[in-house]
Amino acid sequence: MGDLVKRKHPRLDHYDYSTAGAYFVTICTQNRRCLLSHVVGRGLAPAALELTEYGIIAEEQLLLIENRYPSVKIDKYVIMPNRIHFLLVIANETAGASPRPTVMDVVCAYKSLTTRKCKEVKPIDKLFQTSFHEHILRGREDYEETVKYICDNPMRWHYDELYSEE
């Protein structure tokens, strides 16, 4: 057998990802396929997003996170054609005897449930990439810059390194 490729683990060592605070999360579709939405409007018209069937399911499941995890809030989000950006806020309180979920707990459950629901609508092999990117927000300025990035993302789509017409 050949050598297995060692996956890089993007999480910070020794950081408790159930710590109360705000996290900027990005989840990409498998092979960065444009499955979730279409960006419409160019030039002087503001860019808008039209969600696909998969995108509608992705949004529904994203908004259900707060019901599944009472100590978690989705503050801002955008569902781009081939990725989802959102602000995940973990509050100090816990859900009864249950500990606060980690960012990974929330994201893994979200990806699994969204994929399952999408497969019910139209078969798909793999909806999301294996991992995800997160950034621990550090202060008000970092938070405000991230909110602006999320809100402005559709306007920058055609200039984006991940841009694809697929």
N, C-alpha and C. Protein backbone atom coordinates (compact mmCIF):
# COMPACT_ATOMS: atom_id res chain seq x y z
N MET A 1 0.83 -1.19 0.00
CA MET A 1 0.00 0.00 0.00
C MET A 1 0.87 1.25 0.00
N GLY A 2 0.45 2.28 -0.74
CA GLY A 2 1.21 3.51 -0.80
C GLY A 2 1.04 4.33 0.47
N ASP A 3 1.82 5.37 0.57
CA ASP A 3 1.71 6.26 1.72
C ASP A 3 0.40 7.02 1.65
N LEU A 4 -0.28 7.10 2.77
CA LEU A 4 -1.51 7.87 2.84
C LEU A 4 -1.15 9.36 2.91
N VAL A 5 -1.95 10.16 2.24
CA VAL A 5 -1.75 11.60 2.29
C VAL A 5 -2.20 12.08 3.67
N LYS A 6 -1.34 12.85 4.32
CA LYS A 6 -1.68 13.41 5.62
C LYS A 6 -2.47 14.69 5.42
N ARG A 7 -3.70 14.70 5.93
CA ARG A 7 -4.52 15.89 5.82
C ARG A 7 -4.06 16.94 6.82
N LYS A 8 -4.02 18.17 6.37
CA LYS A 8 -3.69 19.29 7.25
C LYS A 8 -4.93 19.60 8.08
N HIS A 9 -4.76 19.72 9.37
CA HIS A 9 -5.87 20.07 10.25
C HIS A 9 -5.81 21.57 10.53
N PRO A 10 -6.80 22.30 10.03
CA PRO A 10 -6.74 23.76 10.10
C PRO A 10 -7.12 24.36 11.45
N ARG A 11 -7.52 23.57 12.42
CA ARG A 11 -7.93 24.12 13.71
C ARG A 11 -6.71 24.44 14.57
N LEU A 12 -6.87 25.42 15.44
CA LEU A 12 -5.79 25.80 16.36
C LEU A 12 -5.61 24.71 17.41
N ASP A 13 -4.38 24.35 17.65
CA ASP A 13 -4.08 23.39 18.71
C ASP A 13 -4.43 24.02 20.05
N HIS A 14 -4.97 23.22 20.93
CA HIS A 14 -5.23 23.63 22.32
C HIS A 14 -6.27 24.75 22.44
N TYR A 15 -7.11 24.93 21.42
CA TYR A 15 -8.18 25.93 21.53
C TYR A 15 -9.50 25.19 21.71
N ASP A 16 -10.31 25.65 22.65
CA ASP A 16 -11.61 25.04 22.91
C ASP A 16 -12.64 25.70 22.00
N TYR A 17 -13.04 24.98 20.96
CA TYR A 17 -13.97 25.51 19.97
C TYR A 17 -15.43 25.50 20.43
N SER A 18 -15.65 25.26 21.73
CA SER A 18 -16.98 25.47 22.30
C SER A 18 -17.00 26.77 23.10
N THR A 19 -15.87 27.48 23.10
CA THR A 19 -15.75 28.74 23.82
C THR A 19 -16.75 29.75 23.27
N ALA A 20 -17.43 30.45 24.18
CA ALA A 20 -18.37 31.49 23.76
C ALA A 20 -17.63 32.52 22.92
N GLY A 21 -18.26 32.92 21.83
CA GLY A 21 -17.66 33.91 20.94
C GLY A 21 -18.23 33.77 19.54
N ALA A 22 -17.64 34.53 18.62
CA ALA A 22 -18.11 34.54 17.23
C ALA A 22 -17.06 33.89 16.33
N TYR A 23 -17.54 33.11 15.38
CA TYR A 23 -16.69 32.37 14.45
C TYR A 23 -17.19 32.60 13.03
N PHE A 24 -16.28 32.90 12.12
CA PHE A 24 -16.61 33.05 10.71
C PHE A 24 -16.32 31.70 10.05
N VAL A 25 -17.35 31.08 9.48
CA VAL A 25 -17.25 29.74 8.91
C VAL A 25 -17.49 29.79 7.41
N THR A 26 -16.67 29.06 6.66
CA THR A 26 -16.86 28.89 5.22
C THR A 26 -16.89 27.40 4.91
N ILE A 27 -17.94 26.99 4.21
CA ILE A 27 -18.09 25.60 3.77
C ILE A 27 -18.17 25.64 2.25
N CYS A 28 -17.31 24.88 1.58
CA CYS A 28 -17.30 24.84 0.11
C CYS A 28 -17.97 23.56 -0.39
N THR A 29 -18.57 23.66 -1.57
CA THR A 29 -19.13 22.47 -2.20
C THR A 29 -17.99 21.60 -2.72
N GLN A 30 -18.28 20.32 -2.89
CA GLN A 30 -17.29 19.38 -3.42
C GLN A 30 -16.84 19.84 -4.81
N ASN A 31 -15.55 19.90 -5.01
CA ASN A 31 -14.95 20.34 -6.27
C ASN A 31 -15.39 21.75 -6.68
N ARG A 32 -15.85 22.50 -5.70
CA ARG A 32 -16.29 23.90 -5.89
C ARG A 32 -17.34 24.04 -7.00
N ARG A 33 -18.19 23.03 -7.08
CA ARG A 33 -19.27 23.09 -8.07
C ARG A 33 -20.30 24.13 -7.66
N CYS A 34 -20.83 24.83 -8.64
CA CYS A 34 -21.84 25.87 -8.39
C CYS A 34 -23.22 25.22 -8.30
N LEU A 35 -23.57 24.79 -7.10
CA LEU A 35 -24.80 24.04 -6.88
C LEU A 35 -25.82 24.76 -6.01
N LEU A 36 -25.39 25.82 -5.33
CA LEU A 36 -26.23 26.39 -4.28
C LEU A 36 -27.02 27.63 -4.70
N SER A 37 -26.48 28.43 -5.60
CA SER A 37 -27.16 29.66 -6.01
C SER A 37 -26.60 30.15 -7.33
N HIS A 38 -27.25 31.20 -7.84
CA HIS A 38 -26.78 31.91 -9.03
C HIS A 38 -26.72 33.39 -8.67
N VAL A 39 -25.64 34.05 -9.05
CA VAL A 39 -25.53 35.49 -8.83
C VAL A 39 -26.11 36.18 -10.06
N VAL A 40 -27.10 37.03 -9.84
CA VAL A 40 -27.73 37.76 -10.94
C VAL A 40 -27.53 39.25 -10.74
N GLY A 41 -27.47 39.98 -11.85
CA GLY A 41 -27.28 41.43 -11.80
C GLY A 41 -25.82 41.79 -11.88
N ARG A 42 -25.49 42.62 -12.85
CA ARG A 42 -24.11 43.08 -13.04
C ARG A 42 -24.13 44.57 -13.32
N GLY A 43 -22.97 45.15 -13.35
CA GLY A 43 -22.86 46.57 -13.70
C GLY A 43 -23.45 47.44 -12.61
N LEU A 44 -24.35 48.32 -13.00
CA LEU A 44 -24.94 49.27 -12.06
C LEU A 44 -25.97 48.62 -11.14
N ALA A 45 -26.56 47.52 -11.60
CA ALA A 45 -27.57 46.84 -10.78
C ALA A 45 -26.87 46.08 -9.64
N PRO A 46 -27.43 46.14 -8.45
CA PRO A 46 -26.81 45.38 -7.35
C PRO A 46 -26.94 43.88 -7.61
N ALA A 47 -25.90 43.16 -7.26
CA ALA A 47 -25.90 41.71 -7.43
C ALA A 47 -26.87 41.09 -6.41
N ALA A 48 -27.58 40.10 -6.87
CA ALA A 48 -28.51 39.39 -6.00
C ALA A 48 -28.28 37.89 -6.18
N LEU A 49 -28.76 37.13 -5.23
CA LEU A 49 -28.60 35.67 -5.28
C LEU A 49 -29.96 35.02 -5.51
N GLU A 50 -29.98 34.04 -6.40
CA GLU A 50 -31.15 33.18 -6.57
C GLU A 50 -30.72 31.79 -6.13
N LEU A 51 -31.36 31.29 -5.09
CA LEU A 51 -30.99 29.98 -4.56
C LEU A 51 -31.53 28.86 -5.45
N THR A 52 -30.74 27.82 -5.61
CA THR A 52 -31.16 26.61 -6.32
C THR A 52 -31.96 25.75 -5.33
N GLU A 53 -32.43 24.59 -5.78
CA GLU A 53 -33.10 23.66 -4.87
C GLU A 53 -32.18 23.30 -3.70
N TYR A 54 -30.92 23.02 -4.03
CA TYR A 54 -29.95 22.71 -2.97
C TYR A 54 -29.72 23.92 -2.06
N GLY A 55 -29.66 25.10 -2.64
CA GLY A 55 -29.45 26.31 -1.86
C GLY A 55 -30.59 26.60 -0.90
N ILE A 56 -31.81 26.33 -1.33
CA ILE A 56 -32.98 26.53 -0.46
C ILE A 56 -32.88 25.58 0.74
N ILE A 57 -32.53 24.34 0.48
CA ILE A 57 -32.35 23.37 1.57
C ILE A 57 -31.21 23.80 2.48
N ALA A 58 -30.11 24.25 1.90
CA ALA A 58 -28.96 24.71 2.69
C ALA A 58 -29.37 25.85 3.61
N GLU A 59 -30.16 26.79 3.10
CA GLU A 59 -30.61 27.92 3.92
C GLU A 59 -31.55 27.44 5.02
N GLU A 60 -32.50 26.56 4.69
CA GLU A 60 -33.43 26.05 5.70
C GLU A 60 -32.67 25.37 6.83
N GLN A 61 -31.70 24.52 6.48
CA GLN A 61 -30.93 23.81 7.49
C GLN A 61 -30.06 24.75 8.32
N LEU A 62 -29.53 25.78 7.68
CA LEU A 62 -28.72 26.77 8.40
C LEU A 62 -29.57 27.47 9.46
N LEU A 63 -30.78 27.83 9.08
CA LEU A 63 -31.66 28.53 10.03
C LEU A 63 -32.18 27.62 11.13
N LEU A 64 -32.16 26.31 10.90
CA LEU A 64 -32.59 25.35 11.93
C LEU A 64 -31.50 25.07 12.98
N ILE A 65 -30.28 25.52 12.72
CA ILE A 65 -29.19 25.30 13.68
C ILE A 65 -29.56 25.85 15.05
N GLU A 66 -30.18 27.02 15.08
CA GLU A 66 -30.52 27.64 16.36
C GLU A 66 -31.53 26.81 17.14
N ASN A 67 -32.40 26.05 16.45
CA ASN A 67 -33.34 25.17 17.15
C ASN A 67 -32.63 23.94 17.70
N ARG A 68 -31.64 23.44 16.95
CA ARG A 68 -30.91 22.24 17.38
C ARG A 68 -29.95 22.53 18.52
N TYR A 69 -29.37 23.73 18.49
CA TYR A 69 -28.37 24.12 19.48
C TYR A 69 -28.79 25.46 20.10
N PRO A 70 -29.49 25.42 21.24
CA PRO A 70 -30.00 26.66 21.84
C PRO A 70 -28.93 27.70 22.18
N SER A 71 -27.69 27.28 22.38
CA SER A 71 -26.64 28.24 22.73
C SER A 71 -25.95 28.81 21.49
N VAL A 72 -26.45 28.46 20.29
CA VAL A 72 -25.82 28.89 19.04
C VAL A 72 -26.77 29.79 18.26
N LYS A 73 -26.19 30.81 17.64
CA LYS A 73 -26.96 31.73 16.80
C LYS A 73 -26.22 31.91 15.48
N ILE A 74 -26.97 31.95 14.38
CA ILE A 74 -26.41 32.30 13.08
C ILE A 74 -26.71 33.78 12.90
N ASP A 75 -25.66 34.59 12.91
CA ASP A 75 -25.85 36.03 12.89
C ASP A 75 -26.02 36.58 11.48
N LYS A 76 -25.10 36.31 10.60
CA LYS A 76 -25.15 36.73 9.19
C LYS A 76 -24.74 35.55 8.35
N TYR A 77 -25.23 35.51 7.11
CA TYR A 77 -24.81 34.43 6.22
C TYR A 77 -25.05 34.84 4.77
N VAL A 78 -24.36 34.14 3.89
CA VAL A 78 -24.59 34.28 2.46
C VAL A 78 -24.36 32.91 1.83
N ILE A 79 -25.24 32.55 0.92
CA ILE A 79 -25.12 31.27 0.22
C ILE A 79 -24.72 31.58 -1.22
N MET A 80 -23.43 31.47 -1.46
CA MET A 80 -22.85 31.73 -2.77
C MET A 80 -23.04 30.50 -3.66
N PRO A 81 -22.73 30.58 -4.94
CA PRO A 81 -22.91 29.42 -5.82
C PRO A 81 -22.17 28.17 -5.37
N ASN A 82 -20.94 28.34 -4.84
CA ASN A 82 -20.15 27.15 -4.50
C ASN A 82 -19.64 27.15 -3.06
N ARG A 83 -20.22 27.97 -2.22
CA ARG A 83 -19.80 27.98 -0.81
C ARG A 83 -20.82 28.74 0.03
N ILE A 84 -20.71 28.54 1.31
CA ILE A 84 -21.57 29.22 2.28
C ILE A 84 -20.66 29.90 3.28
N HIS A 85 -20.92 31.17 3.56
CA HIS A 85 -20.22 31.90 4.61
C HIS A 85 -21.25 32.21 5.69
N PHE A 86 -20.87 32.02 6.95
CA PHE A 86 -21.78 32.46 8.01
C PHE A 86 -21.03 32.79 9.29
N LEU A 87 -21.66 33.65 10.08
CA LEU A 87 -21.16 34.00 11.41
C LEU A 87 -21.90 33.13 12.41
N LEU A 88 -21.17 32.32 13.12
CA LEU A 88 -21.71 31.43 14.14
C LEU A 88 -21.34 32.03 15.49
N VAL A 89 -22.35 32.29 16.31
CA VAL A 89 -22.10 32.86 17.63
C VAL A 89 -22.50 31.83 18.68
N ILE A 90 -21.55 31.50 19.54
CA ILE A 90 -21.81 30.58 20.64
C ILE A 90 -21.93 31.41 21.91
N ALA A 91 -23.08 31.26 22.58
CA ALA A 91 -23.35 32.03 23.80
C ALA A 91 -22.76 31.32 25.01
N ASN A 92 -22.70 32.03 26.12
CA ASN A 92 -22.16 31.47 27.36
C ASN A 92 -23.02 30.37 27.96
N GLU A 93 -24.34 30.49 27.82
CA GLU A 93 -25.21 29.51 28.46
C GLU A 93 -25.11 28.15 27.76
N THR A 94 -25.48 27.13 28.51
CA THR A 94 -25.49 25.77 27.95
C THR A 94 -26.93 25.30 27.88
N ALA A 95 -27.15 24.22 27.16
CA ALA A 95 -28.50 23.67 27.00
C ALA A 95 -28.74 22.62 28.08
N GLY A 96 -29.17 23.05 29.25
CA GLY A 96 -29.43 22.11 30.34
C GLY A 96 -28.16 21.41 30.77
N ALA A 97 -28.23 20.08 30.81
CA ALA A 97 -27.06 19.29 31.22
C ALA A 97 -26.06 19.13 30.08
N SER A 98 -26.47 19.49 28.87
CA SER A 98 -25.58 19.32 27.71
C SER A 98 -24.53 20.42 27.67
N PRO A 99 -23.31 20.04 27.34
CA PRO A 99 -22.28 21.07 27.18
C PRO A 99 -22.53 21.85 25.89
N ARG A 100 -21.90 23.01 25.80
CA ARG A 100 -22.00 23.78 24.55
C ARG A 100 -21.40 22.96 23.43
N PRO A 101 -22.01 23.02 22.25
CA PRO A 101 -21.42 22.30 21.12
C PRO A 101 -20.16 23.02 20.65
N THR A 102 -19.28 22.28 20.00
CA THR A 102 -18.12 22.92 19.38
C THR A 102 -18.52 23.41 17.99
N VAL A 103 -17.70 24.25 17.41
CA VAL A 103 -17.93 24.71 16.04
C VAL A 103 -17.99 23.48 15.12
N MET A 104 -17.09 22.53 15.34
CA MET A 104 -17.07 21.33 14.50
C MET A 104 -18.36 20.52 14.65
N ASP A 105 -18.89 20.39 15.87
CA ASP A 105 -20.16 19.68 16.08
C ASP A 105 -21.26 20.30 15.22
N VAL A 106 -21.36 21.61 15.27
CA VAL A 106 -22.41 22.33 14.55
C VAL A 106 -22.23 22.17 13.04
N VAL A 107 -21.03 22.39 12.55
CA VAL A 107 -20.78 22.33 11.11
C VAL A 107 -20.96 20.91 10.58
N CYS A 108 -20.47 19.92 11.29
CA CYS A 108 -20.61 18.53 10.83
C CYS A 108 -22.09 18.12 10.78
N ALA A 109 -22.85 18.47 11.80
CA ALA A 109 -24.28 18.15 11.80
C ALA A 109 -24.98 18.88 10.66
N TYR A 110 -24.65 20.14 10.46
CA TYR A 110 -25.24 20.93 9.37
C TYR A 110 -24.95 20.30 8.01
N LYS A 111 -23.70 19.97 7.76
CA LYS A 111 -23.33 19.39 6.46
C LYS A 111 -24.03 18.05 6.24
N SER A 112 -24.08 17.23 7.26
CA SER A 112 -24.71 15.91 7.16
C SER A 112 -26.21 16.03 6.87
N LEU A 113 -26.91 16.84 7.65
CA LEU A 113 -28.35 17.00 7.47
C LEU A 113 -28.69 17.65 6.13
N THR A 114 -27.90 18.64 5.74
CA THR A 114 -28.15 19.32 4.46
C THR A 114 -27.94 18.35 3.31
N THR A 115 -26.87 17.58 3.36
CA THR A 115 -26.60 16.60 2.29
C THR A 115 -27.73 15.58 2.22
N ARG A 116 -28.16 15.08 3.36
CA ARG A 116 -29.24 14.08 3.38
C ARG A 116 -30.51 14.64 2.75
N LYS A 117 -30.88 15.87 3.12
CA LYS A 117 -32.09 16.49 2.56
C LYS A 117 -31.94 16.74 1.06
N CYS A 118 -30.77 17.16 0.63
CA CYS A 118 -30.53 17.40 -0.81
C CYS A 118 -30.63 16.10 -1.60
N LYS A 119 -30.12 15.02 -1.04
CA LYS A 119 -30.20 13.72 -1.72
C LYS A 119 -31.64 13.25 -1.88
N GLU A 120 -32.52 13.67 -0.98
CA GLU A 120 -33.94 13.31 -1.10
C GLU A 120 -34.58 14.02 -2.29
N VAL A 121 -34.10 15.21 -2.60
CA VAL A 121 -34.65 16.00 -3.71
C VAL A 121 -34.08 15.56 -5.04
N LYS A 122 -32.75 15.45 -5.10
CA LYS A 122 -32.06 15.06 -6.33
C LYS A 122 -30.76 14.39 -5.93
N PRO A 123 -30.52 13.15 -6.40
CA PRO A 123 -29.31 12.43 -5.99
C PRO A 123 -28.03 13.22 -6.28
N ILE A 124 -27.13 13.16 -5.33
CA ILE A 124 -25.82 13.79 -5.47
C ILE A 124 -24.82 12.92 -4.70
N ASP A 125 -23.66 12.74 -5.27
CA ASP A 125 -22.65 11.90 -4.63
C ASP A 125 -22.16 12.55 -3.34
N LYS A 126 -21.58 13.73 -3.46
CA LYS A 126 -21.03 14.43 -2.31
C LYS A 126 -21.31 15.92 -2.50
N LEU A 127 -21.99 16.53 -1.57
CA LEU A 127 -22.36 17.94 -1.70
C LEU A 127 -21.23 18.86 -1.25
N PHE A 128 -20.61 18.57 -0.10
CA PHE A 128 -19.61 19.47 0.48
C PHE A 128 -18.22 18.84 0.51
N GLN A 129 -17.21 19.71 0.52
CA GLN A 129 -15.85 19.24 0.76
C GLN A 129 -15.77 18.66 2.16
N THR A 130 -14.74 17.85 2.40
CA THR A 130 -14.60 17.17 3.68
C THR A 130 -14.46 18.13 4.85
N SER A 131 -13.67 19.15 4.72
CA SER A 131 -13.39 20.04 5.84
C SER A 131 -14.16 21.35 5.69
N PHE A 132 -13.78 22.33 6.46
CA PHE A 132 -14.35 23.68 6.37
C PHE A 132 -13.31 24.65 6.92
N HIS A 133 -13.50 25.91 6.66
CA HIS A 133 -12.60 26.94 7.16
C HIS A 133 -13.32 27.73 8.24
N GLU A 134 -12.62 28.04 9.29
CA GLU A 134 -13.19 28.92 10.32
C GLU A 134 -12.14 29.94 10.74
N HIS A 135 -12.64 31.06 11.21
CA HIS A 135 -11.79 32.12 11.74
C HIS A 135 -12.43 32.58 13.04
N ILE A 136 -11.68 32.58 14.11
CA ILE A 136 -12.16 33.07 15.40
C ILE A 136 -12.14 34.59 15.33
N LEU A 137 -13.30 35.20 15.50
CA LEU A 137 -13.35 36.67 15.42
C LEU A 137 -12.82 37.26 16.71
N ARG A 138 -11.93 38.23 16.55
CA ARG A 138 -11.23 38.82 17.69
C ARG A 138 -11.53 40.31 17.78
N GLY A 139 -12.65 40.62 18.37
CA GLY A 139 -12.97 42.02 18.59
C GLY A 139 -13.99 42.58 17.62
N ARG A 140 -14.44 43.78 17.95
CA ARG A 140 -15.51 44.45 17.20
C ARG A 140 -15.11 44.74 15.76
N GLU A 141 -13.90 45.22 15.54
CA GLU A 141 -13.45 45.57 14.19
C GLU A 141 -13.41 44.32 13.30
N ASP A 142 -12.89 43.23 13.81
CA ASP A 142 -12.84 41.97 13.07
C ASP A 142 -14.26 41.52 12.72
N TYR A 143 -15.17 41.63 13.68
CA TYR A 143 -16.57 41.26 13.47
C TYR A 143 -17.19 42.12 12.36
N GLU A 144 -17.02 43.43 12.44
CA GLU A 144 -17.61 44.33 11.45
C GLU A 144 -17.03 44.12 10.05
N GLU A 145 -15.74 43.87 9.96
CA GLU A 145 -15.12 43.58 8.65
C GLU A 145 -15.69 42.29 8.06
N THR A 146 -15.92 41.30 8.91
CA THR A 146 -16.46 40.03 8.45
C THR A 146 -17.91 40.18 7.99
N VAL A 147 -18.71 40.94 8.71
CA VAL A 147 -20.09 41.21 8.28
C VAL A 147 -20.09 41.89 6.92
N LYS A 148 -19.21 42.87 6.73
CA LYS A 148 -19.12 43.56 5.44
C LYS A 148 -18.71 42.59 4.34
N TYR A 149 -17.75 41.73 4.62
CA TYR A 149 -17.30 40.73 3.64
C TYR A 149 -18.47 39.83 3.22
N ILE A 150 -19.24 39.36 4.20
CA ILE A 150 -20.39 38.49 3.89
C ILE A 150 -21.41 39.24 3.04
N CYS A 151 -21.74 40.45 3.42
CA CYS A 151 -22.75 41.23 2.69
C CYS A 151 -22.30 41.59 1.28
N ASP A 152 -21.01 41.87 1.10
CA ASP A 152 -20.49 42.30 -0.20
C ASP A 152 -20.13 41.14 -1.12
N ASN A 153 -20.16 39.92 -0.62
CA ASN A 153 -19.69 38.78 -1.39
C ASN A 153 -20.38 38.62 -2.75
N PRO A 154 -21.69 38.71 -2.86
CA PRO A 154 -22.32 38.57 -4.18
C PRO A 154 -21.83 39.60 -5.20
N MET A 155 -21.55 40.83 -4.76
CA MET A 155 -21.09 41.88 -5.68
C MET A 155 -19.70 41.57 -6.23
N ARG A 156 -18.91 40.81 -5.49
CA ARG A 156 -17.54 40.49 -5.90
C ARG A 156 -17.42 39.14 -6.61
N TRP A 157 -18.53 38.45 -6.82
CA TRP A 157 -18.49 37.09 -7.34
C TRP A 157 -17.69 36.96 -8.63
N HIS A 158 -17.90 37.83 -9.59
CA HIS A 158 -17.24 37.70 -10.90
C HIS A 158 -15.74 38.01 -10.83
N TYR A 159 -15.28 38.53 -9.72
CA TYR A 159 -13.85 38.81 -9.54
C TYR A 159 -13.21 37.80 -8.58
N ASP A 160 -13.99 36.89 -8.09
CA ASP A 160 -13.56 35.96 -7.05
C ASP A 160 -12.65 34.87 -7.60
N GLU A 161 -11.66 34.45 -6.83
CA GLU A 161 -10.77 33.37 -7.25
C GLU A 161 -11.51 32.04 -7.41
N LEU A 162 -12.65 31.89 -6.74
CA LEU A 162 -13.44 30.67 -6.84
C LEU A 162 -14.55 30.79 -7.89
N TYR A 163 -14.57 31.90 -8.61
CA TYR A 163 -15.63 32.14 -9.60
C TYR A 163 -15.64 31.05 -10.66
N SER A 164 -16.86 30.65 -11.00
CA SER A 164 -17.05 29.64 -12.05
C SER A 164 -18.44 29.85 -12.64
N GLU A 165 -18.56 29.66 -13.93
CA GLU A 165 -19.86 29.78 -14.60
C GLU A 165 -20.65 28.48 -14.54
N GLU A 166 -20.03 27.39 -14.07
CA GLU A 166 -20.69 26.08 -14.05
C GLU A 166 -22.03 26.12 -13.38
